[in-house]
């Protein structure tokens, strides 16, 4: 049961990340990549988490 809860929580978090990416794309188009690259920050965090 606990394993299923973890999977559901991770899926929920992945969906939230998708929502954030969609907002960035919609609100800023390609321009947001010219400033601080938030996607690189998120990518780095995801890569570090996936190694563990």
N, C-alpha and C. Protein backbone atom coordinates (compact mmCIF):
# COMPACT_ATOMS: atom_id res chain seq x y z
N UNK A 1 0.84 -1.21 0.00
CA UNK A 1 0.00 0.00 0.00
C UNK A 1 0.87 1.25 0.00
N UNK A 2 1.91 1.23 0.83
CA UNK A 2 2.79 2.39 0.91
C UNK A 2 3.48 2.64 -0.43
N UNK A 3 3.87 1.55 -1.10
CA UNK A 3 4.52 1.67 -2.40
C UNK A 3 3.58 2.32 -3.42
N UNK A 4 2.32 1.95 -3.39
CA UNK A 4 1.33 2.53 -4.30
C UNK A 4 1.16 4.03 -4.02
N UNK A 5 1.15 4.41 -2.74
CA UNK A 5 1.03 5.82 -2.38
C UNK A 5 2.21 6.62 -2.90
N UNK A 6 3.40 6.04 -2.80
CA UNK A 6 4.60 6.71 -3.30
C UNK A 6 4.51 6.93 -4.80
N UNK A 7 4.05 5.91 -5.52
CA UNK A 7 3.92 6.02 -6.97
C UNK A 7 2.91 7.11 -7.35
N UNK A 8 1.79 7.14 -6.63
CA UNK A 8 0.78 8.16 -6.89
C UNK A 8 1.32 9.55 -6.61
N UNK A 9 2.06 9.70 -5.53
CA UNK A 9 2.65 10.98 -5.17
C UNK A 9 3.64 11.43 -6.23
N UNK A 10 4.48 10.50 -6.69
CA UNK A 10 5.46 10.85 -7.73
C UNK A 10 4.76 11.24 -9.03
N UNK A 11 3.69 10.54 -9.38
CA UNK A 11 2.96 10.87 -10.59
C UNK A 11 2.34 12.26 -10.47
N UNK A 12 1.81 12.56 -9.31
CA UNK A 12 1.23 13.87 -9.05
C UNK A 12 2.29 14.97 -9.19
N UNK A 13 3.47 14.72 -8.66
CA UNK A 13 4.55 15.71 -8.75
C UNK A 13 5.01 15.88 -10.20
N UNK A 14 5.08 14.78 -10.95
CA UNK A 14 5.47 14.86 -12.36
C UNK A 14 4.45 15.69 -13.13
N UNK A 15 3.18 15.52 -12.82
CA UNK A 15 2.14 16.30 -13.49
C UNK A 15 2.26 17.79 -13.15
N UNK A 16 2.62 18.10 -11.92
CA UNK A 16 2.81 19.50 -11.53
C UNK A 16 3.97 20.12 -12.30
N UNK A 17 5.04 19.35 -12.48
CA UNK A 17 6.18 19.85 -13.26
C UNK A 17 5.74 20.13 -14.69
N UNK A 18 4.95 19.24 -15.26
CA UNK A 18 4.42 19.45 -16.61
C UNK A 18 3.60 20.74 -16.67
N UNK A 19 2.78 20.96 -15.65
CA UNK A 19 1.97 22.19 -15.60
C UNK A 19 2.85 23.43 -15.58
N UNK A 20 3.91 23.39 -14.79
CA UNK A 20 4.84 24.53 -14.71
C UNK A 20 5.48 24.78 -16.06
N UNK A 21 5.91 23.72 -16.74
CA UNK A 21 6.53 23.87 -18.05
C UNK A 21 5.54 24.47 -19.05
N UNK A 22 4.30 24.03 -18.99
CA UNK A 22 3.29 24.57 -19.89
C UNK A 22 3.05 26.05 -19.64
N UNK A 23 3.04 26.45 -18.37
CA UNK A 23 2.87 27.87 -18.03
C UNK A 23 4.04 28.67 -18.58
N UNK A 24 5.26 28.16 -18.39
CA UNK A 24 6.43 28.86 -18.91
C UNK A 24 6.33 29.05 -20.42
N UNK A 25 5.98 27.98 -21.12
CA UNK A 25 5.88 28.05 -22.58
C UNK A 25 4.78 29.03 -23.00
N UNK A 26 3.64 28.98 -22.32
CA UNK A 26 2.49 29.81 -22.69
C UNK A 26 2.74 31.28 -22.38
N UNK A 27 3.25 31.54 -21.18
CA UNK A 27 3.41 32.93 -20.74
C UNK A 27 4.60 33.62 -21.38
N UNK A 28 5.66 32.88 -21.60
CA UNK A 28 6.90 33.51 -22.04
C UNK A 28 7.35 33.08 -23.42
N UNK A 29 6.68 32.11 -24.01
CA UNK A 29 7.10 31.64 -25.32
C UNK A 29 8.54 31.18 -25.25
N UNK A 30 9.32 31.55 -26.23
CA UNK A 30 10.72 31.17 -26.24
C UNK A 30 11.58 32.12 -25.41
N UNK A 31 11.02 33.26 -25.01
CA UNK A 31 11.79 34.29 -24.33
C UNK A 31 12.33 33.85 -22.99
N UNK A 32 11.60 32.98 -22.29
CA UNK A 32 12.04 32.61 -20.94
C UNK A 32 13.38 31.91 -20.96
N UNK A 33 13.76 31.35 -22.09
CA UNK A 33 15.04 30.66 -22.15
C UNK A 33 16.21 31.63 -22.18
N UNK A 34 15.93 32.90 -22.49
CA UNK A 34 16.99 33.89 -22.58
C UNK A 34 17.42 34.40 -21.21
N UNK A 35 16.52 34.32 -20.25
CA UNK A 35 16.84 34.78 -18.90
C UNK A 35 17.48 33.63 -18.13
N UNK A 36 17.23 33.58 -16.84
CA UNK A 36 17.70 32.44 -16.05
C UNK A 36 17.01 31.22 -16.62
N UNK A 37 17.76 30.20 -16.92
CA UNK A 37 17.14 29.03 -17.53
C UNK A 37 16.60 28.12 -16.43
N UNK A 38 15.33 28.35 -16.10
CA UNK A 38 14.70 27.58 -15.04
C UNK A 38 14.60 26.11 -15.40
N UNK A 39 14.47 25.84 -16.69
CA UNK A 39 14.38 24.44 -17.11
C UNK A 39 15.67 23.70 -16.80
N UNK A 40 16.81 24.38 -16.94
CA UNK A 40 18.09 23.73 -16.62
C UNK A 40 18.18 23.44 -15.13
N UNK A 41 17.67 24.35 -14.31
CA UNK A 41 17.68 24.14 -12.86
C UNK A 41 16.86 22.91 -12.52
N UNK A 42 15.66 22.82 -13.10
CA UNK A 42 14.78 21.67 -12.85
C UNK A 42 15.42 20.39 -13.38
N UNK A 43 15.99 20.47 -14.58
CA UNK A 43 16.61 19.29 -15.20
C UNK A 43 17.73 18.75 -14.31
N UNK A 44 18.55 19.66 -13.81
CA UNK A 44 19.67 19.24 -12.96
C UNK A 44 19.15 18.54 -11.72
N UNK A 45 18.13 19.12 -11.11
CA UNK A 45 17.54 18.50 -9.91
C UNK A 45 16.96 17.13 -10.20
N UNK A 46 16.28 17.00 -11.35
CA UNK A 46 15.70 15.72 -11.72
C UNK A 46 16.78 14.68 -12.00
N UNK A 47 17.85 15.11 -12.66
CA UNK A 47 18.95 14.19 -12.95
C UNK A 47 19.60 13.70 -11.66
N UNK A 48 19.82 14.63 -10.74
CA UNK A 48 20.43 14.23 -9.46
C UNK A 48 19.52 13.27 -8.70
N UNK A 49 18.22 13.53 -8.72
CA UNK A 49 17.29 12.66 -8.01
C UNK A 49 17.21 11.28 -8.65
N UNK A 50 17.33 11.23 -9.96
CA UNK A 50 17.19 9.94 -10.64
C UNK A 50 18.41 9.05 -10.47
N UNK A 51 19.54 9.64 -10.09
CA UNK A 51 20.77 8.87 -9.88
C UNK A 51 20.70 8.10 -8.56
N UNK A 52 20.00 8.67 -7.59
CA UNK A 52 19.93 8.07 -6.25
C UNK A 52 19.15 6.78 -6.25
